[in-house]
C-alpha atoms as a PDB file:
ATOM      1  CA  MET A   1     200.530 -30.267 117.214  1.00  0.00           C
ATOM      2  CA  ALA A   2     203.301 -30.814 114.479  1.00  0.00           C
ATOM      3  CA  ARG A   3     203.229 -31.095 110.884  1.00  0.00           C
ATOM      4  CA  HIS A   4     205.198 -33.464 108.559  1.00  0.00           C
ATOM      5  CA  GLY A   5     205.062 -35.399 105.503  1.00  0.00           C
ATOM      6  CA  GLY A   6     201.493 -34.476 104.895  1.00  0.00           C
ATOM      7  CA  LYS A   7     200.273 -35.609 108.516  1.00  0.00           C
ATOM      8  CA  VAL A   8     199.381 -33.771 111.315  1.00  0.00           C
ATOM      9  CA  TYR A   9     200.593 -35.297 114.821  1.00  0.00           C
ATOM     10  CA  VAL A  10     198.566 -34.360 117.800  1.00  0.00           C
ATOM     11  CA  ASP A  11     199.886 -35.035 121.299  1.00  0.00           C
ATOM     12  CA  SER A  12     197.902 -34.394 124.411  1.00  0.00           C
ATOM     13  CA  PRO A  13     197.916 -36.062 128.211  1.00  0.00           C
ATOM     14  CA  ALA A  14     195.122 -38.023 126.948  1.00  0.00           C
ATOM     15  CA  ALA A  15     196.196 -39.386 123.872  1.00  0.00           C
ATOM     16  CA  HIS A  16     198.454 -39.499 120.798  1.00  0.00           C
ATOM     17  CA  ALA A  17     197.203 -39.042 117.349  1.00  0.00           C
ATOM     18  CA  VAL A  18     198.097 -38.991 113.746  1.00  0.00           C
ATOM     19  CA  LEU A  19     195.973 -37.297 111.274  1.00  0.00           C
ATOM     20  CA  THR A  20     195.786 -37.540 107.722  1.00  0.00           C
ATOM     21  CA  PRO A  21     194.224 -34.590 105.699  1.00  0.00           C
ATOM     22  CA  VAL A  22     192.047 -36.070 102.917  1.00  0.00           C
ATOM     23  CA  PRO A  23     189.884 -34.251 100.304  1.00  0.00           C
ATOM     24  CA  ARG A  24     186.394 -33.308 101.809  1.00  0.00           C
ATOM     25  CA  LEU A  25     184.825 -34.561  98.584  1.00  0.00           C
ATOM     26  CA  PRO A  26     186.178 -36.386  95.600  1.00  0.00           C
ATOM     27  CA  GLU A  27     185.785 -34.669  92.449  1.00  0.00           C
ATOM     28  CA  PRO A  28     183.196 -36.849  90.551  1.00  0.00           C
ATOM     29  CA  ALA A  29     183.338 -35.344  87.374  1.00  0.00           C
ATOM     30  CA  GLU A  30     186.920 -36.465  86.969  1.00  0.00           C
ATOM     31  CA  ARG A  31     185.996 -40.205  86.982  1.00  0.00           C
ATOM     32  CA  ALA A  32     182.582 -39.997  85.423  1.00  0.00           C
ATOM     33  CA  ALA A  33     182.225 -41.096  81.820  1.00  0.00           C
ATOM     34  CA  PRO A  34     181.151 -38.268  79.451  1.00  0.00           C
ATOM     35  CA  GLY A  35     177.345 -37.688  79.314  1.00  0.00           C
ATOM     36  CA  SER A  36     177.149 -38.865  83.076  1.00  0.00           C
ATOM     37  CA  LEU A  37     174.513 -37.339  84.940  1.00  0.00           C
ATOM     38  CA  LEU A  38     175.701 -37.287  88.576  1.00  0.00           C
ATOM     39  CA  ALA A  39     173.962 -36.821  92.013  1.00  0.00           C
ATOM     40  CA  PRO A  40     174.353 -33.349  93.154  1.00  0.00           C
ATOM     41  CA  MET A  41     174.029 -34.561  96.638  1.00  0.00           C
ATOM     42  CA  PRO A  42     173.104 -37.673  98.897  1.00  0.00           C
ATOM     43  CA  GLY A  43     169.346 -38.549  98.563  1.00  0.00           C
ATOM     44  CA  ALA A  44     166.389 -41.281  97.375  1.00  0.00           C
ATOM     45  CA  VAL A  45     165.585 -41.455  94.028  1.00  0.00           C
ATOM     46  CA  LEU A  46     161.602 -41.102  93.910  1.00  0.00           C
ATOM     47  CA  ARG A  47     160.907 -41.514  90.351  1.00  0.00           C
ATOM     48  CA  VAL A  48     162.674 -42.524  86.897  1.00  0.00           C
ATOM     49  CA  GLU A  49     161.126 -40.805  84.205  1.00  0.00           C
ATOM     50  CA  VAL A  50     163.064 -42.428  81.232  1.00  0.00           C
ATOM     51  CA  LYS A  51     164.175 -45.856  79.782  1.00  0.00           C
ATOM     52  CA  GLU A  52     167.459 -47.154  78.767  1.00  0.00           C
ATOM     53  CA  GLY A  53     167.543 -46.375  74.954  1.00  0.00           C
ATOM     54  CA  GLN A  54     165.203 -43.574  75.223  1.00  0.00           C
ATOM     55  CA  ARG A  55     165.740 -40.563  73.360  1.00  0.00           C
ATOM     56  CA  VAL A  56     165.676 -37.368  75.249  1.00  0.00           C
ATOM     57  CA  ASP A  57     165.971 -33.752  74.704  1.00  0.00           C
ATOM     58  CA  LYS A  58     168.076 -31.255  76.433  1.00  0.00           C
ATOM     59  CA  GLY A  59     166.333 -30.073  79.737  1.00  0.00           C
ATOM     60  CA  GLN A  60     163.941 -33.030  79.563  1.00  0.00           C
ATOM     61  CA  PRO A  61     163.421 -34.759  83.120  1.00  0.00           C
ATOM     62  CA  VAL A  62     165.449 -38.083  83.585  1.00  0.00           C
ATOM     63  CA  LEU A  63     164.555 -38.617  87.268  1.00  0.00           C
ATOM     64  CA  VAL A  64     163.734 -36.991  90.623  1.00  0.00           C
ATOM     65  CA  LEU A  65     165.962 -37.101  93.394  1.00  0.00           C
ATOM     66  CA  GLU A  66     164.791 -36.474  97.099  1.00  0.00           C
ATOM     67  CA  ALA A  67     167.482 -34.705  99.115  1.00  0.00           C
ATOM     68  CA  MET A  68     167.097 -32.467 102.286  1.00  0.00           C
ATOM     69  CA  LYS A  69     163.342 -32.935 101.990  1.00  0.00           C
ATOM     70  CA  MET A  70     162.919 -31.442  98.627  1.00  0.00           C
ATOM     71  CA  GLU A  71     162.816 -33.165  95.240  1.00  0.00           C
ATOM     72  CA  HIS A  72     165.483 -32.217  92.876  1.00  0.00           C
ATOM     73  CA  ARG A  73     164.930 -32.715  88.875  1.00  0.00           C
ATOM     74  CA  ILE A  74     167.729 -34.248  87.163  1.00  0.00           C
ATOM     75  CA  THR A  75     167.548 -33.196  83.573  1.00  0.00           C
ATOM     76  CA  ALA A  76     169.140 -34.440  80.347  1.00  0.00           C
ATOM     77  CA  PRO A  77     172.118 -32.142  79.845  1.00  0.00           C
ATOM     78  CA  ALA A  78     172.045 -32.386  75.837  1.00  0.00           C
ATOM     79  CA  THR A  79     169.440 -34.125  73.299  1.00  0.00           C
ATOM     80  CA  GLY A  80     170.642 -37.640  72.987  1.00  0.00           C
ATOM     81  CA  THR A  81     170.035 -41.068  74.260  1.00  0.00           C
ATOM     82  CA  VAL A  82     169.837 -42.627  77.600  1.00  0.00           C
ATOM     83  CA  SER A  83     172.537 -45.523  77.192  1.00  0.00           C
ATOM     84  CA  ALA A  84     172.657 -46.212  81.012  1.00  0.00           C
ATOM     85  CA  LEU A  85     170.353 -46.081  83.829  1.00  0.00           C
ATOM     86  CA  ARG A  86     172.317 -46.822  86.920  1.00  0.00           C
ATOM     87  CA  VAL A  87     169.246 -46.357  89.538  1.00  0.00           C
ATOM     88  CA  ALA A  88     165.854 -47.356  90.039  1.00  0.00           C
ATOM     89  CA  LYS A  89     163.087 -45.981  92.294  1.00  0.00           C
ATOM     90  CA  GLY A  90     163.916 -46.038  96.041  1.00  0.00           C
ATOM     91  CA  ASP A  91     167.510 -46.516  95.346  1.00  0.00           C
ATOM     92  CA  GLN A  92     169.581 -44.514  97.831  1.00  0.00           C
ATOM     93  CA  VAL A  93     172.539 -42.560  96.092  1.00  0.00           C
ATOM     94  CA  GLU A  94     175.732 -40.773  97.431  1.00  0.00           C
ATOM     95  CA  ALA A  95     176.844 -37.266  96.237  1.00  0.00           C
ATOM     96  CA  GLY A  96     178.927 -37.716  92.881  1.00  0.00           C
ATOM     97  CA  ALA A  97     177.040 -41.284  92.098  1.00  0.00           C
ATOM     98  CA  VAL A  98     176.427 -41.924  88.368  1.00  0.00           C
ATOM     99  CA  LEU A  99     172.623 -41.800  88.125  1.00  0.00           C
ATOM    100  CA  ALA A 100     172.191 -42.413  83.823  1.00  0.00           C
ATOM    101  CA  ILE A 101     174.581 -41.435  80.866  1.00  0.00           C
ATOM    102  CA  ILE A 102     173.243 -39.754  78.126  1.00  0.00           C
ATOM    103  CA  ASP A 103     174.978 -40.186  74.784  1.00  0.00           C
ATOM    104  CA  GLU A 104     174.616 -36.770  73.068  1.00  0.00           C
ATOM    105  CA  GLU A 105     173.290 -36.660  69.579  1.00  0.00           C
ATOM    106  CA  ASN A 106     175.819 -35.404  66.803  1.00  0.00           C
ATOM    107  CA  THR A 107     174.080 -32.219  65.220  1.00  0.00           C
END
């Protein structure tokens, strides 16, 4: 095994391979719009409890995600308006997927 230029070269009697390291999981917050609610893990949307344009209070449930045989409530991080709802009941989502966007109220 040898490293060169960020790649790992592996030689064996059976085969030769060149491996390129990649981040385990991308940092979703770096590519999400402000106010985005991100999926904490892969799962299925069980319930959506708000509608686009609806006003929500901080801590109010926005949707419920089923992952690892458990229900995870995704709540509003701040008081504001649901400007986008990107999922529906039954959708499968990946970790870091944008579920909804809350435009925070200026107080």
